[in-house]
Amino acid sequence: MKSNSSEPTRYFCTLPWTGLFSIKTNLDVTFCPCFLQMKIGNLAEASIREIWNSEKLQELRRSFSKGELPDRALSQPTLPDGSGKKCMIRMV
């Protein structure tokens, strides 16, 4: 919930720590397949452990740890339900 003070809005999402992946038939691993649709690796090129610890996921984790909305999330459209919400990302 956003406060009425002049503090900047802080954002958080648990998925960079708990994980939500899809694996395509070409072995591409996509993080947050419902929203960000961010390719983070390919199982023909890296293990799931390497992909889990990839720089892309580390950067998302760092951003959310600081309460910042990652650049990747800023460019994404809202959910298709017309609510204007940005998936699992919430203001804290």
C-alpha atoms as a PDB file:
ATOM      1  CA  MET A   1       0.000   0.000   0.000  1.00  0.00           C
ATOM      2  CA  LYS A   2       1.382   3.379  -0.969  1.00  0.00           C
ATOM      3  CA  SER A   3       1.903   5.801   1.893  1.00  0.00           C
ATOM      4  CA  ASN A   4       0.829   9.437   1.822  1.00  0.00           C
ATOM      5  CA  SER A   5       4.324  10.634   2.711  1.00  0.00           C
ATOM      6  CA  SER A   6       6.866  11.943   0.252  1.00  0.00           C
ATOM      7  CA  GLU A   7       8.777   8.647   0.354  1.00  0.00           C
ATOM      8  CA  PRO A   8       9.317   7.081  -3.062  1.00  0.00           C
ATOM      9  CA  THR A   9       7.158   4.106  -4.009  1.00  0.00           C
ATOM     10  CA  ARG A  10       8.845   0.795  -3.251  1.00  0.00           C
ATOM     11  CA  TYR A  11       8.149  -2.386  -5.242  1.00  0.00           C
ATOM     12  CA  PHE A  12       8.563  -6.073  -4.530  1.00  0.00           C
ATOM     13  CA  CYS A  13       8.040  -9.429  -6.228  1.00  0.00           C
ATOM     14  CA  THR A  14       8.859 -12.831  -4.719  1.00  0.00           C
ATOM     15  CA  LEU A  15       9.298 -14.653  -8.027  1.00  0.00           C
ATOM     16  CA  PRO A  16      13.027 -13.939  -8.517  1.00  0.00           C
ATOM     17  CA  TRP A  17      13.608 -15.965  -5.315  1.00  0.00           C
ATOM     18  CA  THR A  18      10.860 -18.583  -5.535  1.00  0.00           C
ATOM     19  CA  GLY A  19      11.008 -19.093  -9.287  1.00  0.00           C
ATOM     20  CA  LEU A  20       8.458 -19.345 -12.028  1.00  0.00           C
ATOM     21  CA  PHE A  21       9.934 -20.739 -15.221  1.00  0.00           C
ATOM     22  CA  SER A  22       8.725 -22.216 -18.430  1.00  0.00           C
ATOM     23  CA  ILE A  23      10.886 -24.385 -20.635  1.00  0.00           C
ATOM     24  CA  LYS A  24      10.140 -24.246 -24.332  1.00  0.00           C
ATOM     25  CA  THR A  25      10.614 -27.120 -26.740  1.00  0.00           C
ATOM     26  CA  ASN A  26      13.857 -25.519 -27.965  1.00  0.00           C
ATOM     27  CA  LEU A  27      15.055 -25.627 -24.302  1.00  0.00           C
ATOM     28  CA  ASP A  28      14.838 -21.854 -23.787  1.00  0.00           C
ATOM     29  CA  VAL A  29      14.109 -21.096 -20.141  1.00  0.00           C
ATOM     30  CA  THR A  30      11.766 -18.164 -19.626  1.00  0.00           C
ATOM     31  CA  PHE A  31      11.361 -16.427 -16.276  1.00  0.00           C
ATOM     32  CA  CYS A  32       7.886 -15.122 -15.377  1.00  0.00           C
ATOM     33  CA  PRO A  33       6.254 -16.599 -18.484  1.00  0.00           C
ATOM     34  CA  CYS A  34       2.924 -14.931 -17.753  1.00  0.00           C
ATOM     35  CA  PHE A  35       4.233 -11.385 -17.656  1.00  0.00           C
ATOM     36  CA  LEU A  36       7.881 -10.446 -18.164  1.00  0.00           C
ATOM     37  CA  GLN A  37       8.512 -13.325 -20.564  1.00  0.00           C
ATOM     38  CA  MET A  38      12.210 -12.862 -19.968  1.00  0.00           C
ATOM     39  CA  LYS A  39      14.528 -15.425 -21.571  1.00  0.00           C
ATOM     40  CA  ILE A  40      17.161 -16.223 -18.966  1.00  0.00           C
ATOM     41  CA  GLY A  41      18.966 -19.124 -20.589  1.00  0.00           C
ATOM     42  CA  ASN A  42      18.828 -22.335 -22.548  1.00  0.00           C
ATOM     43  CA  LEU A  43      19.222 -25.811 -21.068  1.00  0.00           C
ATOM     44  CA  ALA A  44      21.336 -26.914 -24.037  1.00  0.00           C
ATOM     45  CA  GLU A  45      23.884 -24.264 -23.039  1.00  0.00           C
ATOM     46  CA  ALA A  46      23.678 -24.110 -19.226  1.00  0.00           C
ATOM     47  CA  SER A  47      22.432 -26.113 -16.268  1.00  0.00           C
ATOM     48  CA  ILE A  48      19.313 -25.084 -14.385  1.00  0.00           C
ATOM     49  CA  ARG A  49      21.595 -24.088 -11.479  1.00  0.00           C
ATOM     50  CA  GLU A  50      23.605 -21.781 -13.750  1.00  0.00           C
ATOM     51  CA  ILE A  51      20.416 -20.299 -15.156  1.00  0.00           C
ATOM     52  CA  TRP A  52      18.952 -19.811 -11.651  1.00  0.00           C
ATOM     53  CA  ASN A  53      22.099 -17.884 -10.688  1.00  0.00           C
ATOM     54  CA  SER A  54      22.306 -15.956 -13.968  1.00  0.00           C
ATOM     55  CA  GLU A  55      23.146 -12.261 -14.027  1.00  0.00           C
ATOM     56  CA  LYS A  56      19.638 -11.445 -15.327  1.00  0.00           C
ATOM     57  CA  LEU A  57      17.967 -12.990 -12.257  1.00  0.00           C
ATOM     58  CA  GLN A  58      20.599 -11.550  -9.925  1.00  0.00           C
ATOM     59  CA  GLU A  59      19.836  -8.070 -11.273  1.00  0.00           C
ATOM     60  CA  LEU A  60      16.094  -8.558 -10.718  1.00  0.00           C
ATOM     61  CA  ARG A  61      16.780  -9.709  -7.167  1.00  0.00           C
ATOM     62  CA  ARG A  62      19.011  -6.696  -6.482  1.00  0.00           C
ATOM     63  CA  SER A  63      16.391  -4.283  -7.814  1.00  0.00           C
ATOM     64  CA  PHE A  64      13.564  -5.742  -5.741  1.00  0.00           C
ATOM     65  CA  SER A  65      15.803  -5.955  -2.648  1.00  0.00           C
ATOM     66  CA  LYS A  66      16.205  -2.184  -2.921  1.00  0.00           C
ATOM     67  CA  GLY A  67      12.489  -1.692  -3.530  1.00  0.00           C
ATOM     68  CA  GLU A  68      13.096  -0.555  -7.089  1.00  0.00           C
ATOM     69  CA  LEU A  69      11.043  -1.558 -10.103  1.00  0.00           C
ATOM     70  CA  PRO A  70      13.467  -3.168 -12.571  1.00  0.00           C
ATOM     71  CA  ASP A  71      13.802  -1.478 -15.964  1.00  0.00           C
ATOM     72  CA  ARG A  72      12.483  -4.640 -17.608  1.00  0.00           C
ATOM     73  CA  ALA A  73       9.234  -4.375 -15.621  1.00  0.00           C
ATOM     74  CA  LEU A  74       8.828  -0.682 -16.416  1.00  0.00           C
ATOM     75  CA  SER A  75       8.545  -1.439 -20.117  1.00  0.00           C
ATOM     76  CA  GLN A  76       5.941  -4.185 -19.737  1.00  0.00           C
ATOM     77  CA  PRO A  77       2.251  -3.689 -20.404  1.00  0.00           C
ATOM     78  CA  THR A  78      -0.301  -4.201 -17.684  1.00  0.00           C
ATOM     79  CA  LEU A  79      -2.205  -7.444 -17.271  1.00  0.00           C
ATOM     80  CA  PRO A  80      -4.751  -8.191 -19.981  1.00  0.00           C
ATOM     81  CA  ASP A  81      -7.661  -8.152 -17.501  1.00  0.00           C
ATOM     82  CA  GLY A  82      -7.917  -4.350 -17.702  1.00  0.00           C
ATOM     83  CA  SER A  83      -7.049  -3.902 -14.016  1.00  0.00           C
ATOM     84  CA  GLY A  84      -3.944  -1.860 -14.756  1.00  0.00           C
ATOM     85  CA  LYS A  85      -1.928  -4.110 -12.413  1.00  0.00           C
ATOM     86  CA  LYS A  86       1.563  -5.328 -13.188  1.00  0.00           C
ATOM     87  CA  CYS A  87       1.312  -9.041 -12.388  1.00  0.00           C
ATOM     88  CA  MET A  88       2.935 -10.143  -9.091  1.00  0.00           C
ATOM     89  CA  ILE A  89       4.802  -6.863  -8.625  1.00  0.00           C
ATOM     90  CA  ARG A  90       3.348  -4.980  -5.674  1.00  0.00           C
ATOM     91  CA  MET A  91       3.965  -1.680  -3.972  1.00  0.00           C
ATOM     92  CA  VAL A  92       5.282  -1.935  -0.410  1.00  0.00           C
END
